[in-house]
Amino acid sequence: MRVGIAGYGNLARGVEAAVTNAPDMELVAIFTRRDPASVTVATDTPIYAWDAMADMTDQIDVMVLCGGSATDLPTQTPQVARLFTVVDSFDTHANIPSHFAHVDEAAREAGTLGVISCGWDPGLFSLARLYANAALPDGVDYTFWGRGVSQGHSDAIRRIPGVADARQYTVPVPEAVEAARSGSNPTLTTRQKHTRECFVVAEEGADHAAIEQAIVTMPNYFADYDTTVTFISQEELDANHAGLPHGGSVIRSGRTGLAGEFGDTIEFSLQLDSNPHFTGSVLASVARAAYRMRQNGQVGAYTMFDIPPALLSPLSAEELRAHLM
């Protein structure tokens, strides 16, 4: 299958690596809104201007969109779905239903297919929650993220006047995780489940106290959490916080038996050296499934809930039964 990548940042580099290493895929093109001559890619894949993709619909089977969820994907995914079968990683949970509707309308009109919100949350964590809810209908869900770098929260800090650079880590509270695992089904507030650690490089002469106050009171990002702010040098940030690790856990505890006499806990967890490279690997597997679904005549929008698991794997049905069942 022939794959294209739309956008070229950290996530796209993850997709580029995953597709290059896949035995059944060929990366044929990368598209950018920047001047292609100014962009250096990790492989020898040709890179084109964004508008050139409209002339290559017969050369690409699946386009993987690697833009951001805030402003890029809400418009890009429906637009590109009018040209190609697409996969994206849209992760604004509250807006997934409306994003799905827009992509579904575009794909059905064009006779293409789009799988949205693929990655690890939403994505693999979504599947973990679904399986856990199906197996334990009488139960409670808990999702913990981290310890890991939140790219969106880091960007929010960098937009504060006086900030030169920053990294923000989301950190699960250990006591909350253990309470969720205990089967006692505790009620946990946002503040009780996670803390946030901010490492900030301030511009010369900037007011550290004003920056810290702007961070810890920022609504929708930090105001609801216990947040620590540590000011460091650019050299220390580059040396100790250059990576993009992440991970987390989905936990569901519940009761089985006629009278609920048995306690059960399901847990699915991830620990990632590179969030964008792992997410890119998930996107590549979904691109395989999207290609197969389109080959079977399916059109419209889908999520990972709608994909038969075997379609994600390069292995045959016989190989899956022999080795993974």
Protein backbone atom coordinates (compact mmCIF):
# COMPACT_ATOMS: atom_id res chain seq x y z
CA MET A 1 0.00 0.00 0.00
CA ARG A 2 1.17 3.50 -0.87
CA VAL A 3 1.17 6.01 1.99
CA GLY A 4 1.42 9.79 2.04
CA ILE A 5 2.07 12.07 5.03
CA ALA A 6 0.44 15.49 5.33
CA GLY A 7 2.42 17.82 7.56
CA TYR A 8 5.95 17.28 8.82
CA GLY A 9 6.67 17.66 12.53
CA ASN A 10 7.36 15.31 15.43
CA LEU A 11 4.34 13.09 14.77
CA ALA A 12 5.08 12.87 11.05
CA ARG A 13 8.62 11.71 11.81
CA GLY A 14 7.08 8.90 13.86
CA VAL A 15 4.79 7.91 10.99
CA GLU A 16 7.71 8.15 8.56
CA ALA A 17 9.74 5.68 10.63
CA ALA A 18 6.83 3.27 11.13
CA VAL A 19 5.81 3.19 7.47
CA THR A 20 9.42 2.83 6.32
CA ASN A 21 9.83 -0.19 8.60
CA ALA A 22 6.52 -1.83 7.62
CA PRO A 23 6.85 -4.81 5.26
CA ASP A 24 3.68 -4.04 3.31
CA MET A 25 3.90 -0.24 2.97
CA GLU A 26 5.68 2.27 0.77
CA LEU A 27 6.03 5.92 1.77
CA VAL A 28 5.65 7.77 -1.53
CA ALA A 29 5.24 11.43 -0.56
CA ILE A 30 5.34 13.98 2.24
CA PHE A 31 3.40 17.26 1.95
CA THR A 32 4.14 20.46 3.82
CA ARG A 33 2.67 23.94 4.11
CA ARG A 34 6.22 25.28 4.38
CA ASP A 35 8.59 25.75 1.47
CA PRO A 36 9.55 22.13 0.63
CA ALA A 37 13.13 23.24 -0.06
CA SER A 38 13.43 24.36 3.58
CA VAL A 39 12.36 21.00 5.05
CA THR A 40 14.79 18.12 5.65
CA VAL A 41 13.16 14.71 6.05
CA ALA A 42 14.69 11.65 7.72
CA THR A 43 14.35 9.40 4.66
CA ASP A 44 14.72 9.91 0.91
CA THR A 45 10.96 10.36 0.51
CA PRO A 46 10.05 13.17 -1.93
CA ILE A 47 8.53 16.23 -0.27
CA TYR A 48 5.97 18.44 -1.98
CA ALA A 49 4.02 21.61 -1.39
CA TRP A 50 0.65 21.08 0.30
CA ASP A 51 -1.37 22.01 -2.78
CA ALA A 52 0.42 19.37 -4.88
CA MET A 53 -1.51 16.54 -3.23
CA ALA A 54 -4.58 17.29 -5.36
CA ASP A 55 -2.58 16.16 -8.42
CA MET A 56 -1.49 12.84 -6.83
CA THR A 57 -4.77 11.13 -5.98
CA ASP A 58 -3.87 8.16 -8.21
CA GLN A 59 -0.48 7.66 -6.50
CA ILE A 60 -1.47 7.39 -2.81
CA ASP A 61 -3.75 4.83 -1.18
CA VAL A 62 -3.89 6.37 2.32
CA MET A 63 -2.95 9.84 3.54
CA VAL A 64 -1.90 10.16 7.19
CA LEU A 65 -2.59 13.64 8.55
CA CYS A 66 -0.09 14.85 11.15
CA GLY A 67 -1.36 18.32 12.01
CA GLY A 68 -2.53 19.58 15.37
CA SER A 69 -5.98 19.04 16.80
CA ALA A 70 -6.60 22.64 17.83
CA THR A 71 -6.59 24.35 14.44
CA ASP A 72 -5.26 21.98 11.75
CA LEU A 73 -7.23 18.73 11.73
CA PRO A 74 -10.76 20.15 12.08
CA THR A 75 -10.41 21.65 8.60
CA GLN A 76 -7.64 19.55 7.05
CA THR A 77 -9.11 16.08 7.60
CA PRO A 78 -12.47 16.79 5.88
CA GLN A 79 -10.70 18.61 3.06
CA VAL A 80 -8.15 15.86 2.41
CA ALA A 81 -10.84 13.18 2.81
CA ARG A 82 -12.40 14.55 -0.37
CA LEU A 83 -9.24 13.41 -2.18
CA PHE A 84 -7.91 10.36 -0.31
CA THR A 85 -8.65 7.72 2.28
CA VAL A 86 -7.31 9.38 5.44
CA VAL A 87 -6.18 8.67 9.00
CA ASP A 88 -5.74 11.30 11.72
CA SER A 89 -4.95 11.59 15.43
CA PHE A 90 -7.55 14.20 16.42
CA ASP A 91 -7.44 14.15 20.23
CA THR A 92 -9.79 16.85 21.52
CA HIS A 93 -12.10 14.33 23.21
CA ALA A 94 -15.10 16.64 23.61
CA ASN A 95 -15.11 17.52 19.91
CA ILE A 96 -14.73 14.00 18.49
CA PRO A 97 -18.46 13.61 17.65
CA SER A 98 -18.56 16.80 15.57
CA HIS A 99 -15.21 16.05 13.91
CA PHE A 100 -16.49 12.57 13.04
CA ALA A 101 -19.62 14.05 11.44
CA HIS A 102 -17.63 16.47 9.28
CA VAL A 103 -15.23 13.79 8.07
CA ASP A 104 -18.08 11.34 7.48
CA GLU A 105 -19.94 13.84 5.30
CA ALA A 106 -16.84 14.65 3.24
CA ALA A 107 -15.78 11.01 2.81
CA ARG A 108 -19.23 9.80 1.81
CA GLU A 109 -19.60 12.54 -0.77
CA ALA A 110 -16.18 11.67 -2.23
CA GLY A 111 -16.45 7.90 -1.91
CA THR A 112 -13.43 7.72 0.39
CA LEU A 113 -12.86 6.57 3.96
CA GLY A 114 -11.51 8.27 7.07
CA VAL A 115 -10.43 6.84 10.41
CA ILE A 116 -10.19 9.59 13.02
CA SER A 117 -8.76 9.96 16.53
CA CYS A 118 -6.14 7.22 16.28
CA GLY A 119 -3.23 7.00 18.68
CA TRP A 120 -3.03 5.88 22.29
CA ASP A 121 -5.59 8.24 23.85
CA PRO A 122 -7.89 8.45 22.05
CA GLY A 123 -7.10 5.15 20.36
CA LEU A 124 -5.62 2.23 22.27
CA PHE A 125 -6.87 3.61 25.59
CA SER A 126 -10.32 3.97 24.05
CA LEU A 127 -10.26 0.29 23.11
CA ALA A 128 -9.04 -0.62 26.60
CA ARG A 129 -11.97 1.26 28.12
CA LEU A 130 -14.41 -0.43 25.73
CA TYR A 131 -13.12 -3.95 26.42
CA ALA A 132 -13.04 -3.29 30.16
CA ASN A 133 -16.58 -1.89 30.20
CA ALA A 134 -17.85 -4.86 28.19
CA ALA A 135 -16.20 -7.38 30.49
CA LEU A 136 -17.02 -5.54 33.73
CA PRO A 137 -20.33 -3.69 33.20
CA ASP A 138 -20.62 -3.13 36.95
CA GLY A 139 -17.52 -1.06 37.50
CA VAL A 140 -15.70 2.29 37.45
CA ASP A 141 -13.14 3.65 34.95
CA TYR A 142 -9.95 5.51 35.81
CA THR A 143 -7.49 6.94 33.29
CA PHE A 144 -4.06 8.22 34.31
CA TRP A 145 -1.60 9.97 31.98
CA GLY A 146 2.14 10.23 32.48
CA ARG A 147 4.69 10.70 33.76
CA GLY A 148 5.23 12.41 30.44
CA VAL A 149 5.63 15.61 28.46
CA SER A 150 2.41 17.32 27.42
CA GLN A 151 3.26 19.09 24.17
CA GLY A 152 0.09 21.20 24.24
CA HIS A 153 0.60 22.36 27.81
CA SER A 154 4.27 23.08 27.12
CA ASP A 155 3.23 25.23 24.17
CA ALA A 156 0.71 27.08 26.35
CA ILE A 157 3.52 28.03 28.76
CA ARG A 158 5.76 29.17 25.91
CA ARG A 159 3.07 31.65 24.85
CA ILE A 160 3.27 33.50 28.19
CA PRO A 161 5.16 36.81 27.88
CA GLY A 162 8.68 36.48 29.21
CA VAL A 163 8.98 32.72 28.56
CA ALA A 164 11.71 31.62 26.17
CA ASP A 165 11.13 27.86 26.38
CA ALA A 166 9.36 25.32 28.58
CA ARG A 167 8.48 21.67 29.18
CA GLN A 168 5.48 20.49 31.19
CA TYR A 169 5.14 17.01 32.67
CA THR A 170 1.83 15.42 33.63
CA VAL A 171 2.39 13.21 36.68
CA PRO A 172 -0.11 10.70 38.15
CA VAL A 173 -0.49 10.88 41.92
CA PRO A 174 0.77 7.47 43.18
CA GLU A 175 -1.81 7.26 45.97
CA ALA A 176 -4.62 7.82 43.46
CA VAL A 177 -3.31 5.10 41.14
CA GLU A 178 -3.08 2.62 44.02
CA ALA A 179 -6.57 3.55 45.19
CA ALA A 180 -7.92 2.86 41.69
CA ARG A 181 -6.13 -0.50 41.62
CA SER A 182 -7.44 -1.46 45.05
CA GLY A 183 -10.96 -2.14 43.84
CA SER A 184 -12.47 0.26 46.37
CA ASN A 185 -13.85 2.42 43.53
CA PRO A 186 -12.82 5.76 45.04
CA THR A 187 -14.22 9.06 43.83
CA LEU A 188 -11.19 11.08 42.70
CA THR A 189 -11.12 14.74 41.70
CA THR A 190 -8.97 16.14 38.91
CA ARG A 191 -6.56 17.57 41.47
CA GLN A 192 -6.32 14.25 43.30
CA LYS A 193 -5.39 12.26 40.17
CA HIS A 194 -2.59 14.29 38.58
CA THR A 195 -0.03 16.98 39.32
CA ARG A 196 1.80 19.14 36.80
CA GLU A 197 5.52 19.94 36.79
CA CYS A 198 6.72 22.90 34.72
CA PHE A 199 10.33 23.61 33.79
CA VAL A 200 10.65 27.12 32.42
CA VAL A 201 13.40 29.10 30.73
CA ALA A 202 12.67 32.80 31.29
CA GLU A 203 13.83 35.58 29.02
CA GLU A 204 16.51 37.85 30.48
CA GLY A 205 14.95 40.34 32.86
CA ALA A 206 11.55 38.62 32.90
CA ASP A 207 9.43 38.67 36.06
CA HIS A 208 9.59 35.09 37.41
CA ALA A 209 6.79 35.65 39.90
CA ALA A 210 4.45 36.96 37.19
CA ILE A 211 5.24 34.01 34.94
CA GLU A 212 4.60 31.52 37.73
CA GLN A 213 1.30 33.19 38.61
CA ALA A 214 0.22 33.14 34.96
CA ILE A 215 0.95 29.40 34.79
CA VAL A 216 -0.70 28.20 37.98
CA THR A 217 -3.87 30.23 37.37
CA MET A 218 -4.25 29.35 33.67
CA PRO A 219 -7.79 27.97 33.18
CA ASN A 220 -8.24 24.61 31.39
CA TYR A 221 -4.53 23.89 31.75
CA PHE A 222 -3.17 24.35 35.29
CA ALA A 223 -5.74 26.02 37.55
CA ASP A 224 -7.36 22.70 38.52
CA TYR A 225 -4.07 20.98 39.40
CA ASP A 226 -1.33 21.22 41.99
CA THR A 227 1.35 22.76 39.80
CA THR A 228 5.05 23.34 40.49
CA VAL A 229 7.13 25.78 38.45
CA THR A 230 10.93 25.48 38.33
CA PHE A 231 13.05 28.03 36.45
CA ILE A 232 16.11 26.58 34.74
CA SER A 233 18.61 27.57 32.03
CA GLN A 234 18.20 26.75 28.36
CA GLU A 235 21.25 24.51 28.62
CA GLU A 236 19.65 22.48 31.43
CA LEU A 237 16.38 22.22 29.52
CA ASP A 238 18.19 21.00 26.40
CA ALA A 239 20.28 18.52 28.39
CA ASN A 240 17.59 17.04 30.66
CA HIS A 241 14.24 17.68 28.98
CA ALA A 242 14.78 17.28 25.24
CA GLY A 243 12.84 14.03 24.90
CA LEU A 244 9.12 13.47 24.54
CA PRO A 245 8.34 10.50 26.84
CA HIS A 246 4.79 9.70 27.89
CA GLY A 247 2.48 6.89 28.90
CA GLY A 248 -0.26 6.09 31.35
CA SER A 249 -2.84 3.56 32.46
CA VAL A 250 -6.49 2.70 32.01
CA ILE A 251 -7.89 0.93 35.08
CA ARG A 252 -11.39 -0.46 35.59
CA SER A 253 -12.43 -2.13 38.79
CA GLY A 254 -15.77 -3.85 39.15
CA ARG A 255 -17.84 -6.69 40.54
CA THR A 256 -18.92 -10.04 39.09
CA GLY A 257 -21.11 -12.82 40.47
CA LEU A 258 -24.85 -13.00 41.11
CA ALA A 259 -24.56 -10.73 44.13
CA GLY A 260 -21.40 -8.90 43.10
CA GLU A 261 -19.37 -11.01 45.49
CA PHE A 262 -16.20 -11.06 43.37
CA GLY A 263 -13.91 -8.09 42.85
CA ASP A 264 -12.00 -7.76 39.57
CA THR A 265 -9.58 -5.20 38.14
CA ILE A 266 -8.48 -4.70 34.54
CA GLU A 267 -5.44 -2.55 33.72
CA PHE A 268 -3.84 -1.51 30.43
CA SER A 269 -0.70 0.62 30.61
CA LEU A 270 1.95 2.18 28.39
CA GLN A 271 5.44 3.54 29.02
CA LEU A 272 6.84 5.38 26.01
CA ASP A 273 10.30 6.76 25.28
CA SER A 274 8.81 8.82 22.43
CA ASN A 275 5.17 9.80 22.39
CA PRO A 276 5.18 10.93 18.71
CA HIS A 277 7.01 7.86 17.46
CA PHE A 278 4.68 5.48 19.27
CA THR A 279 1.62 7.43 18.11
CA GLY A 280 3.03 7.35 14.58
CA SER A 281 3.33 3.58 14.81
CA VAL A 282 -0.33 3.31 15.81
CA LEU A 283 -1.30 5.56 12.90
CA ALA A 284 0.62 3.34 10.49
CA SER A 285 -1.25 0.25 11.69
CA VAL A 286 -4.56 2.06 11.28
CA ALA A 287 -3.54 3.17 7.78
CA ARG A 288 -3.20 -0.53 6.93
CA ALA A 289 -6.70 -1.20 8.24
CA ALA A 290 -8.14 1.83 6.44
CA TYR A 291 -6.66 0.63 3.15
CA ARG A 292 -8.14 -2.84 3.61
CA MET A 293 -11.55 -1.44 4.59
CA ARG A 294 -11.63 0.78 1.52
CA GLN A 295 -10.60 -2.18 -0.66
CA ASN A 296 -13.68 -3.93 0.74
CA GLY A 297 -15.89 -1.09 -0.46
CA GLN A 298 -16.41 0.77 2.83
CA VAL A 299 -16.77 4.57 2.80
CA GLY A 300 -17.36 7.26 5.40
CA ALA A 301 -15.82 7.95 8.80
CA TYR A 302 -14.76 5.36 11.37
CA THR A 303 -12.89 5.15 14.67
CA MET A 304 -10.76 2.38 16.11
CA PHE A 305 -13.94 1.02 17.69
CA ASP A 306 -15.09 0.05 14.19
CA ILE A 307 -11.94 -1.77 13.01
CA PRO A 308 -11.73 -5.57 13.25
CA PRO A 309 -8.43 -6.10 15.12
CA ALA A 310 -6.98 -8.42 12.48
CA LEU A 311 -7.01 -5.59 9.91
CA LEU A 312 -4.38 -3.70 11.93
CA SER A 313 -1.76 -6.44 11.57
CA PRO A 314 0.44 -7.36 8.60
CA LEU A 315 0.04 -11.01 9.60
CA SER A 316 -2.47 -13.24 7.86
CA ALA A 317 -5.49 -14.62 9.68
CA GLU A 318 -3.78 -18.03 9.81
CA GLU A 319 -0.62 -16.51 11.30
CA LEU A 320 -2.62 -14.57 13.89
CA ARG A 321 -4.46 -17.72 15.01
CA ALA A 322 -1.24 -19.69 15.20
CA HIS A 323 0.91 -17.14 17.03
CA LEU A 324 -1.23 -14.58 18.88
CA MET A 325 -4.40 -16.45 19.83
